[in-house]
Amino acid sequence: MPRGEKCILSQGRWFTPNDFEKFAGKEKCKNWKFSIRCRNTPLKKLIEKEHIRCPPKERRKRTCVQKNMNELFPVSSSESSSEENDAEDFQEQGWRGVGTEIRGRVEEEEEEEDMADLSVFQAPSLPVTCVSLTGTLYKYRFATGIRGKCIRTEERWFTPEEFVKQEPTVTDGHWKKDILCHGKTLNFLLKKDASLRIHSLQCECVKCSTQEEDVMAQNNDDECYVCHSEGHLVCCDECPRAFHSHCHLPAVHGDSPG
């Protein structure tokens, strides 16, 4: 990308950012830095934060126009120098205007995101993804990234940090920005106090704290898989499910063989 080469692979073809924008039917935008996004983030932001480098600007059009004008209207060297300076000043002001317009659009979009309907995040459990991984985040178990097995998959319970590590394509990820819920990062939900809060103990006594710690750390469900109620449960060693002894088929009496 920094060399201005074709750097985007789509449907077996390579594209420059400009060509990719046209290929997607967004040629009217004429602003690939804003229209092309990575995980809902415009490339402009990634360029500003120096995560990626921008290709070199093309200046051939300006040089061509200047050459033709000089051929049609010959001027002295002093006049030519003055006109070049005026043209460069005009172009610089134009780029500043475009930059201001883009920044304004980005700020407007961020405001719209902040005003988005947060009702979908009010449920006690939320669907979450990390690239190809899917799971369900249970709020009452959420403590921090490394504590609280709060994300359940078909195979087991994970802390947010453990969940991200299961995705092979994420090598140096961070759970706050790599785990998404309805297209928003967990970092976004944490900033919205009503959407997701770090779990805190309601009772400070040792007994309650110990019980709460057990729930946060356990690898099985907190309710019966059959009747969906709590109580004394028998936990499966092979999956996250738990059962009342009389709900499991066959019924479990005494110590389970496994």
C-alpha atoms as a PDB file:
ATOM      1  CA  MET A   1       0.000   0.000   0.000  1.00  0.00           C
ATOM      2  CA  PRO A   2       2.715   2.635   0.800  1.00  0.00           C
ATOM      3  CA  ARG A   3       4.142   2.099  -2.714  1.00  0.00           C
ATOM      4  CA  GLY A   4       0.786   2.729  -4.382  1.00  0.00           C
ATOM      5  CA  GLU A   5       0.500  -0.863  -5.568  1.00  0.00           C
ATOM      6  CA  LYS A   6      -2.551  -3.156  -5.671  1.00  0.00           C
ATOM      7  CA  CYS A   7      -2.950  -4.198  -2.025  1.00  0.00           C
ATOM      8  CA  ILE A   8      -6.577  -5.367  -1.574  1.00  0.00           C
ATOM      9  CA  LEU A   9      -7.497  -8.936  -2.519  1.00  0.00           C
ATOM     10  CA  SER A  10     -11.169  -9.613  -3.259  1.00  0.00           C
ATOM     11  CA  GLN A  11     -12.777 -12.485  -5.167  1.00  0.00           C
ATOM     12  CA  GLY A  12      -9.418 -13.575  -6.549  1.00  0.00           C
ATOM     13  CA  ARG A  13      -8.501 -10.101  -7.871  1.00  0.00           C
ATOM     14  CA  TRP A  14      -6.117  -7.436  -6.599  1.00  0.00           C
ATOM     15  CA  PHE A  15      -7.164  -3.793  -6.378  1.00  0.00           C
ATOM     16  CA  THR A  16      -5.755  -0.415  -5.442  1.00  0.00           C
ATOM     17  CA  PRO A  17      -7.923   1.394  -2.846  1.00  0.00           C
ATOM     18  CA  ASN A  18      -9.414   3.591  -5.597  1.00  0.00           C
ATOM     19  CA  ASP A  19     -10.220   0.609  -7.819  1.00  0.00           C
ATOM     20  CA  PHE A  20     -11.653  -1.352  -4.892  1.00  0.00           C
ATOM     21  CA  GLU A  21     -13.990   1.551  -4.094  1.00  0.00           C
ATOM     22  CA  LYS A  22     -15.218   1.500  -7.723  1.00  0.00           C
ATOM     23  CA  PHE A  23     -15.500  -2.317  -7.675  1.00  0.00           C
ATOM     24  CA  ALA A  24     -17.810  -2.023  -4.637  1.00  0.00           C
ATOM     25  CA  GLY A  25     -20.038   0.475  -6.469  1.00  0.00           C
ATOM     26  CA  LYS A  26     -18.928   3.429  -4.316  1.00  0.00           C
ATOM     27  CA  GLU A  27     -17.236   5.412  -7.104  1.00  0.00           C
ATOM     28  CA  LYS A  28     -19.531   8.368  -6.360  1.00  0.00           C
ATOM     29  CA  CYS A  29     -17.935   8.713  -2.919  1.00  0.00           C
ATOM     30  CA  LYS A  30     -14.492   9.409  -4.423  1.00  0.00           C
ATOM     31  CA  ASN A  31     -13.091   9.058  -0.921  1.00  0.00           C
ATOM     32  CA  TRP A  32     -11.737   5.551  -0.336  1.00  0.00           C
ATOM     33  CA  LYS A  33     -10.169   6.512   3.010  1.00  0.00           C
ATOM     34  CA  PHE A  34     -13.666   6.966   4.406  1.00  0.00           C
ATOM     35  CA  SER A  35     -15.704   4.447   2.377  1.00  0.00           C
ATOM     36  CA  ILE A  36     -13.339   1.451   2.874  1.00  0.00           C
ATOM     37  CA  ARG A  37     -13.517   0.110   6.422  1.00  0.00           C
ATOM     38  CA  CYS A  38     -11.803  -2.469   8.583  1.00  0.00           C
ATOM     39  CA  ARG A  39     -14.052  -3.787  11.392  1.00  0.00           C
ATOM     40  CA  ASN A  40     -16.308  -0.709  11.090  1.00  0.00           C
ATOM     41  CA  THR A  41     -13.285   1.635  11.285  1.00  0.00           C
ATOM     42  CA  PRO A  42     -12.568   3.885   8.235  1.00  0.00           C
ATOM     43  CA  LEU A  43      -9.071   3.493   6.784  1.00  0.00           C
ATOM     44  CA  LYS A  44      -8.606   7.211   7.426  1.00  0.00           C
ATOM     45  CA  LYS A  45      -8.519   6.570  11.173  1.00  0.00           C
ATOM     46  CA  LEU A  46      -6.042   3.705  10.755  1.00  0.00           C
ATOM     47  CA  ILE A  47      -3.818   5.991   8.661  1.00  0.00           C
ATOM     48  CA  GLU A  48      -4.040   8.797  11.240  1.00  0.00           C
ATOM     49  CA  LYS A  49      -3.065   6.360  14.008  1.00  0.00           C
ATOM     50  CA  GLU A  50      -0.207   5.061  11.798  1.00  0.00           C
ATOM     51  CA  HIS A  51      -1.518   1.479  11.769  1.00  0.00           C
ATOM     52  CA  ILE A  52      -1.199   1.598   7.961  1.00  0.00           C
ATOM     53  CA  ARG A  53       0.666   3.949   5.612  1.00  0.00           C
ATOM     54  CA  CYS A  54      -0.996   5.967   2.890  1.00  0.00           C
ATOM     55  CA  PRO A  55       0.049   5.542  -0.781  1.00  0.00           C
ATOM     56  CA  PRO A  56       1.885   8.494  -2.376  1.00  0.00           C
ATOM     57  CA  LYS A  57      -0.210  11.278  -3.815  1.00  0.00           C
ATOM     58  CA  GLU A  58      -0.357  11.616  -7.586  1.00  0.00           C
ATOM     59  CA  ARG A  59       0.752  15.032  -8.838  1.00  0.00           C
ATOM     60  CA  ARG A  60       0.890  14.319 -12.574  1.00  0.00           C
ATOM     61  CA  LYS A  61      -2.371  16.151 -13.378  1.00  0.00           C
ATOM     62  CA  ARG A  62      -1.181  19.441 -11.884  1.00  0.00           C
ATOM     63  CA  THR A  63       2.144  19.247 -13.746  1.00  0.00           C
ATOM     64  CA  CYS A  64       0.383  18.500 -17.055  1.00  0.00           C
ATOM     65  CA  VAL A  65      -2.003  21.458 -16.724  1.00  0.00           C
ATOM     66  CA  GLN A  66       0.833  23.785 -15.781  1.00  0.00           C
ATOM     67  CA  LYS A  67       2.847  22.679 -18.835  1.00  0.00           C
ATOM     68  CA  ASN A  68      -0.040  23.263 -21.238  1.00  0.00           C
ATOM     69  CA  MET A  69      -0.731  26.695 -19.757  1.00  0.00           C
ATOM     70  CA  ASN A  70       2.936  27.663 -20.193  1.00  0.00           C
ATOM     71  CA  GLU A  71       2.842  26.621 -23.845  1.00  0.00           C
ATOM     72  CA  LEU A  72      -0.312  28.631 -24.567  1.00  0.00           C
ATOM     73  CA  PHE A  73       0.646  31.698 -22.539  1.00  0.00           C
ATOM     74  CA  PRO A  74       4.456  32.133 -22.240  1.00  0.00           C
ATOM     75  CA  VAL A  75       5.467  34.200 -19.190  1.00  0.00           C
ATOM     76  CA  SER A  76       8.699  35.439 -17.705  1.00  0.00           C
ATOM     77  CA  SER A  77      10.553  33.387 -15.076  1.00  0.00           C
ATOM     78  CA  SER A  78       9.597  35.758 -12.237  1.00  0.00           C
ATOM     79  CA  GLU A  79       5.895  35.626 -13.188  1.00  0.00           C
ATOM     80  CA  SER A  80       6.051  31.848 -13.541  1.00  0.00           C
ATOM     81  CA  SER A  81       7.536  31.459 -10.065  1.00  0.00           C
ATOM     82  CA  SER A  82       4.833  33.668  -8.576  1.00  0.00           C
ATOM     83  CA  GLU A  83       2.044  31.717 -10.318  1.00  0.00           C
ATOM     84  CA  GLU A  84       3.460  28.373  -9.148  1.00  0.00           C
ATOM     85  CA  ASN A  85       3.450  29.593  -5.560  1.00  0.00           C
ATOM     86  CA  ASP A  86      -0.151  30.786  -5.924  1.00  0.00           C
ATOM     87  CA  ALA A  87      -1.179  27.415  -7.399  1.00  0.00           C
ATOM     88  CA  GLU A  88       0.509  25.492  -4.573  1.00  0.00           C
ATOM     89  CA  ASP A  89      -1.150  27.729  -1.966  1.00  0.00           C
ATOM     90  CA  PHE A  90      -4.524  27.189  -3.619  1.00  0.00           C
ATOM     91  CA  GLN A  91      -4.018  23.410  -3.752  1.00  0.00           C
ATOM     92  CA  GLU A  92      -2.909  23.274  -0.104  1.00  0.00           C
ATOM     93  CA  GLN A  93      -6.004  25.211   0.937  1.00  0.00           C
ATOM     94  CA  GLY A  94      -8.138  22.839  -1.128  1.00  0.00           C
ATOM     95  CA  TRP A  95      -6.660  19.763   0.577  1.00  0.00           C
ATOM     96  CA  ARG A  96      -7.245  21.375   3.952  1.00  0.00           C
ATOM     97  CA  GLY A  97     -10.885  21.950   3.009  1.00  0.00           C
ATOM     98  CA  VAL A  98     -11.282  18.303   1.999  1.00  0.00           C
ATOM     99  CA  GLY A  99      -9.606  17.169   5.223  1.00  0.00           C
ATOM    100  CA  THR A 100     -11.940  19.340   7.272  1.00  0.00           C
ATOM    101  CA  GLU A 101     -14.949  17.923   5.413  1.00  0.00           C
ATOM    102  CA  ILE A 102     -13.809  14.323   6.037  1.00  0.00           C
ATOM    103  CA  ARG A 103     -13.161  14.992   9.724  1.00  0.00           C
ATOM    104  CA  GLY A 104     -16.636  16.518   9.964  1.00  0.00           C
ATOM    105  CA  ARG A 105     -18.189  13.374   8.458  1.00  0.00           C
ATOM    106  CA  VAL A 106     -16.255  11.108  10.824  1.00  0.00           C
ATOM    107  CA  GLU A 107     -17.308  13.175  13.845  1.00  0.00           C
ATOM    108  CA  GLU A 108     -20.950  13.114  12.689  1.00  0.00           C
ATOM    109  CA  GLU A 109     -20.782   9.337  12.316  1.00  0.00           C
ATOM    110  CA  GLU A 110     -19.307   8.937  15.805  1.00  0.00           C
ATOM    111  CA  GLU A 111     -22.113  11.070  17.214  1.00  0.00           C
ATOM    112  CA  GLU A 112     -24.672   8.872  15.436  1.00  0.00           C
ATOM    113  CA  GLU A 113     -23.009   5.793  16.915  1.00  0.00           C
ATOM    114  CA  ASP A 114     -23.164   7.312  20.390  1.00  0.00           C
ATOM    115  CA  MET A 115     -26.866   8.028  19.884  1.00  0.00           C
ATOM    116  CA  ALA A 116     -27.559   4.526  18.566  1.00  0.00           C
ATOM    117  CA  ASP A 117     -30.325   2.512  20.187  1.00  0.00           C
ATOM    118  CA  LEU A 118     -28.705   0.658  23.098  1.00  0.00           C
ATOM    119  CA  SER A 119     -31.767  -1.426  23.946  1.00  0.00           C
ATOM    120  CA  VAL A 120     -30.256  -4.489  22.222  1.00  0.00           C
ATOM    121  CA  PHE A 121     -27.482  -4.471  24.821  1.00  0.00           C
ATOM    122  CA  GLN A 122     -29.773  -4.537  27.869  1.00  0.00           C
ATOM    123  CA  ALA A 123     -30.368  -8.317  27.881  1.00  0.00           C
ATOM    124  CA  PRO A 124     -28.663 -10.370  30.634  1.00  0.00           C
ATOM    125  CA  SER A 125     -26.770 -12.330  27.948  1.00  0.00           C
ATOM    126  CA  LEU A 126     -25.323 -11.033  24.698  1.00  0.00           C
ATOM    127  CA  PRO A 127     -24.126 -12.734  21.486  1.00  0.00           C
ATOM    128  CA  VAL A 128     -20.406 -12.079  20.916  1.00  0.00           C
ATOM    129  CA  THR A 129     -17.935 -12.821  18.127  1.00  0.00           C
ATOM    130  CA  CYS A 130     -14.186 -12.694  17.578  1.00  0.00           C
ATOM    131  CA  VAL A 131     -13.479 -13.082  13.847  1.00  0.00           C
ATOM    132  CA  SER A 132     -14.727 -16.669  13.256  1.00  0.00           C
ATOM    133  CA  LEU A 133     -15.562 -17.484  16.904  1.00  0.00           C
ATOM    134  CA  THR A 134     -19.077 -17.136  18.316  1.00  0.00           C
ATOM    135  CA  GLY A 135     -20.330 -17.335  21.886  1.00  0.00           C
ATOM    136  CA  THR A 136     -22.675 -15.847  24.478  1.00  0.00           C
ATOM    137  CA  LEU A 137     -21.525 -13.388  27.143  1.00  0.00           C
ATOM    138  CA  TYR A 138     -23.367 -13.613  30.487  1.00  0.00           C
ATOM    139  CA  LYS A 139     -23.187 -10.258  32.243  1.00  0.00           C
ATOM    140  CA  TYR A 140     -23.491 -11.523  35.827  1.00  0.00           C
ATOM    141  CA  ARG A 141     -20.281 -13.522  35.372  1.00  0.00           C
ATOM    142  CA  PHE A 142     -18.289 -10.707  33.764  1.00  0.00           C
ATOM    143  CA  ALA A 143     -15.453  -9.464  35.985  1.00  0.00           C
ATOM    144  CA  THR A 144     -12.401  -8.478  33.910  1.00  0.00           C
ATOM    145  CA  GLY A 145     -10.559  -9.763  30.876  1.00  0.00           C
ATOM    146  CA  ILE A 146      -8.666 -12.374  32.866  1.00  0.00           C
ATOM    147  CA  ARG A 147     -11.269 -13.119  35.574  1.00  0.00           C
ATOM    148  CA  GLY A 148     -14.810 -14.350  35.292  1.00  0.00           C
ATOM    149  CA  LYS A 149     -15.609 -17.200  32.909  1.00  0.00           C
ATOM    150  CA  CYS A 150     -18.441 -15.278  31.310  1.00  0.00           C
ATOM    151  CA  ILE A 151     -18.396 -16.353  27.632  1.00  0.00           C
ATOM    152  CA  ARG A 152     -19.977 -19.703  26.831  1.00  0.00           C
ATOM    153  CA  THR A 153     -19.440 -21.626  23.605  1.00  0.00           C
ATOM    154  CA  GLU A 154     -20.685 -25.105  22.698  1.00  0.00           C
ATOM    155  CA  GLU A 155     -17.459 -26.550  24.097  1.00  0.00           C
ATOM    156  CA  ARG A 156     -16.794 -24.666  27.342  1.00  0.00           C
ATOM    157  CA  TRP A 157     -16.739 -21.402  29.335  1.00  0.00           C
ATOM    158  CA  PHE A 158     -14.017 -18.806  28.738  1.00  0.00           C
ATOM    159  CA  THR A 159     -12.824 -15.552  30.214  1.00  0.00           C
ATOM    160  CA  PRO A 160     -12.739 -12.768  27.571  1.00  0.00           C
ATOM    161  CA  GLU A 161      -8.958 -13.105  27.279  1.00  0.00           C
ATOM    162  CA  GLU A 162      -9.183 -16.888  26.865  1.00  0.00           C
ATOM    163  CA  PHE A 163     -11.908 -16.452  24.232  1.00  0.00           C
ATOM    164  CA  VAL A 164      -9.718 -14.186  22.075  1.00  0.00           C
ATOM    165  CA  LYS A 165      -6.803 -16.633  22.301  1.00  0.00           C
ATOM    166  CA  GLN A 166      -8.966 -19.336  20.694  1.00  0.00           C
ATOM    167  CA  GLU A 167      -8.993 -17.398  17.413  1.00  0.00           C
ATOM    168  CA  PRO A 168      -5.854 -18.448  15.447  1.00  0.00           C
ATOM    169  CA  THR A 169      -5.822 -15.330  13.222  1.00  0.00           C
ATOM    170  CA  VAL A 170      -5.548 -12.973  16.225  1.00  0.00           C
ATOM    171  CA  THR A 171      -1.941 -13.087  17.424  1.00  0.00           C
ATOM    172  CA  ASP A 172      -1.628  -9.932  19.524  1.00  0.00           C
ATOM    173  CA  GLY A 173      -5.264  -9.051  20.105  1.00  0.00           C
ATOM    174  CA  HIS A 174      -6.970  -7.392  23.042  1.00  0.00           C
ATOM    175  CA  TRP A 175     -10.369  -8.569  24.243  1.00  0.00           C
ATOM    176  CA  LYS A 176     -11.839  -5.077  24.584  1.00  0.00           C
ATOM    177  CA  LYS A 177     -11.417  -4.266  20.897  1.00  0.00           C
ATOM    178  CA  ASP A 178     -11.464  -7.749  19.302  1.00  0.00           C
ATOM    179  CA  ILE A 179     -14.684  -9.082  20.855  1.00  0.00           C
ATOM    180  CA  LEU A 180     -17.759  -7.631  19.134  1.00  0.00           C
ATOM    181  CA  CYS A 181     -21.419  -7.580  20.128  1.00  0.00           C
ATOM    182  CA  HIS A 182     -23.953  -6.429  17.531  1.00  0.00           C
ATOM    183  CA  GLY A 183     -21.079  -4.757  15.662  1.00  0.00           C
ATOM    184  CA  LYS A 184     -19.802  -2.865  18.731  1.00  0.00           C
ATOM    185  CA  THR A 185     -16.636  -3.593  20.695  1.00  0.00           C
ATOM    186  CA  LEU A 186     -16.776  -4.499  24.381  1.00  0.00           C
ATOM    187  CA  ASN A 187     -14.801  -1.318  24.978  1.00  0.00           C
ATOM    188  CA  PHE A 188     -17.736   0.637  23.518  1.00  0.00           C
ATOM    189  CA  LEU A 189     -20.181  -1.196  25.807  1.00  0.00           C
ATOM    190  CA  LEU A 190     -18.013  -0.600  28.876  1.00  0.00           C
ATOM    191  CA  LYS A 191     -18.076   3.136  28.173  1.00  0.00           C
ATOM    192  CA  LYS A 192     -21.870   2.945  28.107  1.00  0.00           C
ATOM    193  CA  ASP A 193     -22.442   2.254  31.822  1.00  0.00           C
ATOM    194  CA  ALA A 194     -25.888   0.747  31.334  1.00  0.00           C
ATOM    195  CA  SER A 195     -24.725  -1.714  28.640  1.00  0.00           C
ATOM    196  CA  LEU A 196     -21.958  -3.690  30.358  1.00  0.00           C
ATOM    197  CA  ARG A 197     -20.424  -3.297  33.788  1.00  0.00           C
ATOM    198  CA  ILE A 198     -17.547  -5.034  35.482  1.00  0.00           C
ATOM    199  CA  HIS A 199     -19.163  -7.322  38.042  1.00  0.00           C
ATOM    200  CA  SER A 200     -18.751  -6.272  41.675  1.00  0.00           C
ATOM    201  CA  LEU A 201     -19.651  -8.262  44.788  1.00  0.00           C
ATOM    202  CA  GLN A 202     -22.795  -7.028  46.512  1.00  0.00           C
ATOM    203  CA  CYS A 203     -21.810  -8.551  49.859  1.00  0.00           C
ATOM    204  CA  GLU A 204     -18.328  -8.179  51.311  1.00  0.00           C
ATOM    205  CA  CYS A 205     -18.495 -11.055  53.795  1.00  0.00           C
ATOM    206  CA  VAL A 206     -16.044 -13.905  53.282  1.00  0.00           C
ATOM    207  CA  LYS A 207     -18.757 -16.540  52.733  1.00  0.00           C
ATOM    208  CA  CYS A 208     -20.572 -14.637  49.972  1.00  0.00           C
ATOM    209  CA  SER A 209     -17.318 -13.580  48.346  1.00  0.00           C
ATOM    210  CA  THR A 210     -16.177 -17.199  48.241  1.00  0.00           C
ATOM    211  CA  GLN A 211     -19.456 -18.363  46.721  1.00  0.00           C
ATOM    212  CA  GLU A 212     -19.299 -15.602  44.123  1.00  0.00           C
ATOM    213  CA  GLU A 213     -15.713 -16.498  43.258  1.00  0.00           C
ATOM    214  CA  ASP A 214     -16.755 -20.135  42.741  1.00  0.00           C
ATOM    215  CA  VAL A 215     -19.498 -19.109  40.311  1.00  0.00           C
ATOM    216  CA  MET A 216     -17.142 -16.804  38.389  1.00  0.00           C
ATOM    217  CA  ALA A 217     -14.488 -19.510  38.020  1.00  0.00           C
ATOM    218  CA  GLN A 218     -16.554 -22.628  37.365  1.00  0.00           C
ATOM    219  CA  ASN A 219     -16.456 -24.348  33.997  1.00  0.00           C
ATOM    220  CA  ASN A 220     -20.094 -25.510  33.933  1.00  0.00           C
ATOM    221  CA  ASP A 221     -23.501 -23.862  33.662  1.00  0.00           C
ATOM    222  CA  ASP A 222     -25.208 -22.395  36.739  1.00  0.00           C
ATOM    223  CA  GLU A 223     -28.607 -23.915  35.975  1.00  0.00           C
ATOM    224  CA  CYS A 224     -29.960 -27.313  34.935  1.00  0.00           C
ATOM    225  CA  TYR A 225     -29.838 -27.961  31.197  1.00  0.00           C
ATOM    226  CA  VAL A 226     -33.221 -29.749  31.363  1.00  0.00           C
ATOM    227  CA  CYS A 227     -35.433 -27.618  33.637  1.00  0.00           C
ATOM    228  CA  HIS A 228     -33.426 -24.362  33.539  1.00  0.00           C
ATOM    229  CA  SER A 229     -33.512 -23.861  37.316  1.00  0.00           C
ATOM    230  CA  GLU A 230     -30.752 -23.682  39.901  1.00  0.00           C
ATOM    231  CA  GLY A 231     -30.045 -26.003  42.812  1.00  0.00           C
ATOM    232  CA  HIS A 232     -27.638 -28.835  43.547  1.00  0.00           C
ATOM    233  CA  LEU A 233     -26.260 -29.727  40.133  1.00  0.00           C
ATOM    234  CA  VAL A 234     -24.135 -32.517  38.715  1.00  0.00           C
ATOM    235  CA  CYS A 235     -21.567 -31.145  36.272  1.00  0.00           C
ATOM    236  CA  CYS A 236     -20.524 -32.884  33.046  1.00  0.00           C
ATOM    237  CA  ASP A 237     -16.798 -33.429  32.599  1.00  0.00           C
ATOM    238  CA  GLU A 238     -16.963 -33.290  28.796  1.00  0.00           C
ATOM    239  CA  CYS A 239     -19.102 -30.186  28.125  1.00  0.00           C
ATOM    240  CA  PRO A 240     -20.341 -27.060  29.991  1.00  0.00           C
ATOM    241  CA  ARG A 241     -23.744 -28.552  30.850  1.00  0.00           C
ATOM    242  CA  ALA A 242     -25.012 -29.241  34.387  1.00  0.00           C
ATOM    243  CA  PHE A 243     -28.030 -31.254  35.583  1.00  0.00           C
ATOM    244  CA  HIS A 244     -30.116 -32.017  38.626  1.00  0.00           C
ATOM    245  CA  SER A 245     -29.490 -35.640  39.503  1.00  0.00           C
ATOM    246  CA  HIS A 246     -33.141 -36.517  38.820  1.00  0.00           C
ATOM    247  CA  CYS A 247     -33.283 -34.520  35.539  1.00  0.00           C
ATOM    248  CA  HIS A 248     -30.367 -36.336  33.950  1.00  0.00           C
ATOM    249  CA  LEU A 249     -31.141 -39.468  31.954  1.00  0.00           C
ATOM    250  CA  PRO A 250     -30.325 -41.881  33.377  1.00  0.00           C
ATOM    251  CA  ALA A 251     -30.753 -40.446  36.862  1.00  0.00           C
ATOM    252  CA  VAL A 252     -27.505 -39.932  38.777  1.00  0.00           C
ATOM    253  CA  HIS A 253     -27.306 -41.369  42.302  1.00  0.00           C
ATOM    254  CA  GLY A 254     -24.257 -40.821  44.462  1.00  0.00           C
ATOM    255  CA  ASP A 255     -20.898 -40.254  42.779  1.00  0.00           C
ATOM    256  CA  SER A 256     -21.039 -40.079  39.009  1.00  0.00           C
ATOM    257  CA  PRO A 257     -18.678 -42.380  37.110  1.00  0.00           C
ATOM    258  CA  GLY A 258     -17.752 -39.377  34.901  1.00  0.00           C
END
